[in-house]
Amino acid sequence: MTRILTNHIATMTEMREPQKVLDRAGGKPVAVMKNSRCVGYFVPAEATLQDNPPRYATMEEVMESLERTREQAQPVLDYLKDK
């Protein structure tokens, strides 16, 4: 079973009027369905990264995340070590 990556869907027939599909989706991506299968995504301009380029994590943020992950995993590691 394929996972659909949005909660907005449209059929190929509905895509005859793309503006209506965009209006209904409220600026979010739309999964395009054909015969109950996702054949692609219709992504409005406002849902793209045109105005907000991605921000890369600093090394400090990466290390903080790593430490939090290590703290969360430690009880499991301790349990497995005792087995």
N, C-alpha and C. Protein backbone atom coordinates (compact mmCIF):
# COMPACT_ATOMS: atom_id res chain seq x y z
N MET A 1 0.84 -1.18 0.00
CA MET A 1 0.00 0.00 0.00
C MET A 1 0.88 1.24 0.00
N THR A 2 0.57 2.19 -0.85
CA THR A 2 1.34 3.42 -0.97
C THR A 2 0.84 4.47 0.00
N ARG A 3 1.74 5.16 0.65
CA ARG A 3 1.38 6.24 1.58
C ARG A 3 1.26 7.53 0.77
N ILE A 4 0.15 8.24 0.98
CA ILE A 4 -0.06 9.54 0.33
C ILE A 4 0.48 10.60 1.26
N LEU A 5 1.28 11.51 0.73
CA LEU A 5 2.02 12.48 1.53
C LEU A 5 1.28 13.79 1.78
N THR A 6 -0.02 13.81 1.58
CA THR A 6 -0.84 14.99 1.84
C THR A 6 -2.25 14.54 2.14
N ASN A 7 -3.02 15.40 2.79
CA ASN A 7 -4.41 15.03 3.05
C ASN A 7 -5.37 15.67 2.06
N HIS A 8 -4.84 16.26 0.99
CA HIS A 8 -5.66 16.82 -0.08
C HIS A 8 -5.50 15.95 -1.32
N ILE A 9 -6.62 15.52 -1.89
CA ILE A 9 -6.55 14.69 -3.09
C ILE A 9 -7.47 15.25 -4.16
N ALA A 10 -7.15 14.91 -5.41
CA ALA A 10 -7.98 15.29 -6.56
C ALA A 10 -7.89 14.17 -7.58
N THR A 11 -8.96 13.98 -8.31
CA THR A 11 -8.96 12.99 -9.38
C THR A 11 -8.45 13.62 -10.66
N MET A 12 -8.13 12.81 -11.63
CA MET A 12 -7.69 13.31 -12.93
C MET A 12 -8.79 14.18 -13.55
N THR A 13 -10.04 13.80 -13.35
CA THR A 13 -11.16 14.58 -13.89
C THR A 13 -11.20 15.96 -13.26
N GLU A 14 -10.97 16.05 -11.95
CA GLU A 14 -10.96 17.34 -11.27
C GLU A 14 -9.81 18.23 -11.76
N MET A 15 -8.75 17.62 -12.26
CA MET A 15 -7.60 18.39 -12.73
C MET A 15 -7.89 19.14 -14.03
N ARG A 16 -9.08 18.93 -14.61
CA ARG A 16 -9.49 19.73 -15.77
C ARG A 16 -9.64 21.19 -15.39
N GLU A 17 -9.90 21.43 -14.10
CA GLU A 17 -10.04 22.79 -13.58
C GLU A 17 -9.05 22.97 -12.44
N PRO A 18 -7.77 23.16 -12.78
CA PRO A 18 -6.73 23.19 -11.75
C PRO A 18 -6.89 24.32 -10.74
N GLN A 19 -7.45 25.45 -11.13
CA GLN A 19 -7.61 26.54 -10.18
C GLN A 19 -8.56 26.17 -9.05
N LYS A 20 -9.61 25.43 -9.39
CA LYS A 20 -10.54 24.96 -8.36
C LYS A 20 -9.83 24.02 -7.39
N VAL A 21 -8.97 23.16 -7.92
CA VAL A 21 -8.21 22.23 -7.08
C VAL A 21 -7.30 23.02 -6.14
N LEU A 22 -6.60 24.03 -6.67
CA LEU A 22 -5.72 24.85 -5.85
C LEU A 22 -6.49 25.60 -4.77
N ASP A 23 -7.62 26.18 -5.14
CA ASP A 23 -8.43 26.92 -4.18
C ASP A 23 -8.90 26.02 -3.04
N ARG A 24 -9.34 24.83 -3.39
CA ARG A 24 -9.85 23.90 -2.38
C ARG A 24 -8.73 23.43 -1.44
N ALA A 25 -7.51 23.32 -1.97
CA ALA A 25 -6.39 22.82 -1.17
C ALA A 25 -5.80 23.89 -0.25
N GLY A 26 -6.14 25.14 -0.48
CA GLY A 26 -5.66 26.20 0.40
C GLY A 26 -4.15 26.35 0.44
N GLY A 27 -3.50 26.19 -0.69
CA GLY A 27 -2.05 26.39 -0.75
C GLY A 27 -1.22 25.17 -0.40
N LYS A 28 -1.84 24.06 -0.15
CA LYS A 28 -1.13 22.82 0.21
C LYS A 28 -1.01 21.92 -1.02
N PRO A 29 -0.02 21.02 -1.05
CA PRO A 29 0.11 20.06 -2.15
C PRO A 29 -1.12 19.15 -2.24
N VAL A 30 -1.40 18.69 -3.45
CA VAL A 30 -2.55 17.83 -3.71
C VAL A 30 -2.06 16.54 -4.38
N ALA A 31 -2.49 15.40 -3.86
CA ALA A 31 -2.19 14.11 -4.50
C ALA A 31 -3.18 13.93 -5.64
N VAL A 32 -2.68 13.59 -6.81
CA VAL A 32 -3.54 13.37 -7.97
C VAL A 32 -3.75 11.87 -8.13
N MET A 33 -5.02 11.47 -8.13
CA MET A 33 -5.37 10.06 -8.16
C MET A 33 -5.96 9.66 -9.51
N LYS A 34 -5.64 8.44 -9.93
CA LYS A 34 -6.22 7.84 -11.13
C LYS A 34 -6.47 6.38 -10.81
N ASN A 35 -7.72 5.95 -10.94
CA ASN A 35 -8.09 4.57 -10.62
C ASN A 35 -7.64 4.17 -9.22
N SER A 36 -7.86 5.06 -8.27
CA SER A 36 -7.55 4.84 -6.85
C SER A 36 -6.06 4.70 -6.57
N ARG A 37 -5.23 5.16 -7.46
CA ARG A 37 -3.78 5.13 -7.26
C ARG A 37 -3.23 6.52 -7.42
N CYS A 38 -2.27 6.87 -6.58
CA CYS A 38 -1.63 8.17 -6.68
C CYS A 38 -0.67 8.17 -7.87
N VAL A 39 -0.89 9.11 -8.80
CA VAL A 39 -0.04 9.19 -9.98
C VAL A 39 0.91 10.38 -9.93
N GLY A 40 0.73 11.24 -8.93
CA GLY A 40 1.61 12.39 -8.81
C GLY A 40 1.07 13.40 -7.82
N TYR A 41 1.78 14.52 -7.74
CA TYR A 41 1.38 15.60 -6.83
C TYR A 41 1.32 16.91 -7.59
N PHE A 42 0.34 17.70 -7.24
CA PHE A 42 0.16 19.03 -7.80
C PHE A 42 0.54 20.00 -6.69
N VAL A 43 1.63 20.74 -6.89
CA VAL A 43 2.15 21.58 -5.81
C VAL A 43 2.03 23.05 -6.19
N PRO A 44 1.22 23.81 -5.46
CA PRO A 44 1.08 25.23 -5.75
C PRO A 44 2.37 25.99 -5.41
N ALA A 45 2.57 27.10 -6.05
CA ALA A 45 3.80 27.87 -5.87
C ALA A 45 4.03 28.24 -4.41
N GLU A 46 2.97 28.56 -3.67
CA GLU A 46 3.17 28.97 -2.28
C GLU A 46 3.61 27.83 -1.38
N ALA A 47 3.53 26.59 -1.84
CA ALA A 47 3.98 25.44 -1.04
C ALA A 47 5.44 25.10 -1.31
N THR A 48 6.08 25.82 -2.20
CA THR A 48 7.49 25.55 -2.52
C THR A 48 8.40 26.42 -1.67
N LEU A 49 9.69 26.22 -1.77
CA LEU A 49 10.67 26.93 -0.96
C LEU A 49 11.17 28.21 -1.62
N GLN A 50 10.39 28.82 -2.48
CA GLN A 50 10.87 30.00 -3.20
C GLN A 50 11.28 31.13 -2.27
N ASP A 51 10.46 31.44 -1.28
CA ASP A 51 10.73 32.57 -0.40
C ASP A 51 11.49 32.19 0.86
N ASN A 52 11.44 30.94 1.24
CA ASN A 52 12.08 30.48 2.48
C ASN A 52 13.06 29.35 2.18
N PRO A 53 14.28 29.68 1.79
CA PRO A 53 15.23 28.61 1.52
C PRO A 53 15.51 27.82 2.80
N PRO A 54 15.89 26.55 2.66
CA PRO A 54 16.13 25.74 3.86
C PRO A 54 17.29 26.29 4.68
N ARG A 55 17.20 26.11 5.98
CA ARG A 55 18.26 26.54 6.89
C ARG A 55 18.99 25.29 7.34
N TYR A 56 20.30 25.33 7.30
CA TYR A 56 21.09 24.20 7.72
C TYR A 56 21.38 24.30 9.21
N ALA A 57 21.39 23.16 9.89
CA ALA A 57 21.67 23.13 11.32
C ALA A 57 23.12 23.47 11.57
N THR A 58 23.36 24.16 12.68
CA THR A 58 24.73 24.43 13.08
C THR A 58 25.30 23.18 13.75
N MET A 59 26.60 23.13 13.89
CA MET A 59 27.24 21.99 14.55
C MET A 59 26.75 21.88 16.00
N GLU A 60 26.53 23.02 16.64
CA GLU A 60 26.03 23.01 18.02
C GLU A 60 24.65 22.36 18.09
N GLU A 61 23.76 22.67 17.15
CA GLU A 61 22.43 22.06 17.11
C GLU A 61 22.50 20.56 16.86
N VAL A 62 23.40 20.16 15.98
CA VAL A 62 23.58 18.73 15.69
C VAL A 62 24.06 18.00 16.93
N MET A 63 25.03 18.57 17.63
CA MET A 63 25.56 17.92 18.83
C MET A 63 24.52 17.85 19.94
N GLU A 64 23.69 18.89 20.10
CA GLU A 64 22.63 18.88 21.11
C GLU A 64 21.62 17.78 20.79
N SER A 65 21.27 17.65 19.52
CA SER A 65 20.32 16.62 19.10
C SER A 65 20.91 15.23 19.35
N LEU A 66 22.17 15.06 19.04
CA LEU A 66 22.84 13.78 19.27
C LEU A 66 22.83 13.42 20.75
N GLU A 67 23.10 14.40 21.60
CA GLU A 67 23.11 14.16 23.06
C GLU A 67 21.72 13.78 23.56
N ARG A 68 20.68 14.45 23.07
CA ARG A 68 19.31 14.11 23.47
C ARG A 68 18.97 12.69 23.05
N THR A 69 19.37 12.32 21.84
CA THR A 69 19.11 10.97 21.34
C THR A 69 19.84 9.94 22.19
N ARG A 70 21.09 10.23 22.54
CA ARG A 70 21.87 9.32 23.37
C ARG A 70 21.21 9.15 24.74
N GLU A 71 20.73 10.24 25.33
CA GLU A 71 20.06 10.16 26.63
C GLU A 71 18.79 9.32 26.56
N GLN A 72 18.05 9.45 25.47
CA GLN A 72 16.82 8.68 25.31
C GLN A 72 17.11 7.20 25.09
N ALA A 73 18.20 6.90 24.40
CA ALA A 73 18.52 5.52 24.07
C ALA A 73 19.25 4.78 25.19
N GLN A 74 19.84 5.51 26.12
CA GLN A 74 20.66 4.89 27.15
C GLN A 74 19.93 3.83 27.97
N PRO A 75 18.69 4.05 28.42
CA PRO A 75 18.01 2.98 29.18
C PRO A 75 17.86 1.69 28.37
N VAL A 76 17.61 1.79 27.10
CA VAL A 76 17.47 0.60 26.25
C VAL A 76 18.82 -0.09 26.12
N LEU A 77 19.87 0.69 25.92
CA LEU A 77 21.21 0.10 25.82
C LEU A 77 21.62 -0.59 27.12
N ASP A 78 21.29 0.03 28.24
CA ASP A 78 21.60 -0.59 29.53
C ASP A 78 20.84 -1.90 29.70
N TYR A 79 19.58 -1.89 29.33
CA TYR A 79 18.75 -3.11 29.43
C TYR A 79 19.34 -4.23 28.56
N LEU A 80 19.72 -3.91 27.35
CA LEU A 80 20.26 -4.93 26.44
C LEU A 80 21.62 -5.43 26.92
N LYS A 81 22.39 -4.56 27.55
CA LYS A 81 23.70 -4.97 28.04
C LYS A 81 23.56 -5.98 29.18
N ASP A 82 22.50 -5.84 30.00
CA ASP A 82 22.27 -6.74 31.12
C ASP A 82 21.70 -8.09 30.69
N LYS A 83 21.23 -8.23 29.50
CA LYS A 83 20.62 -9.47 29.03
C LYS A 83 21.66 -10.52 28.75
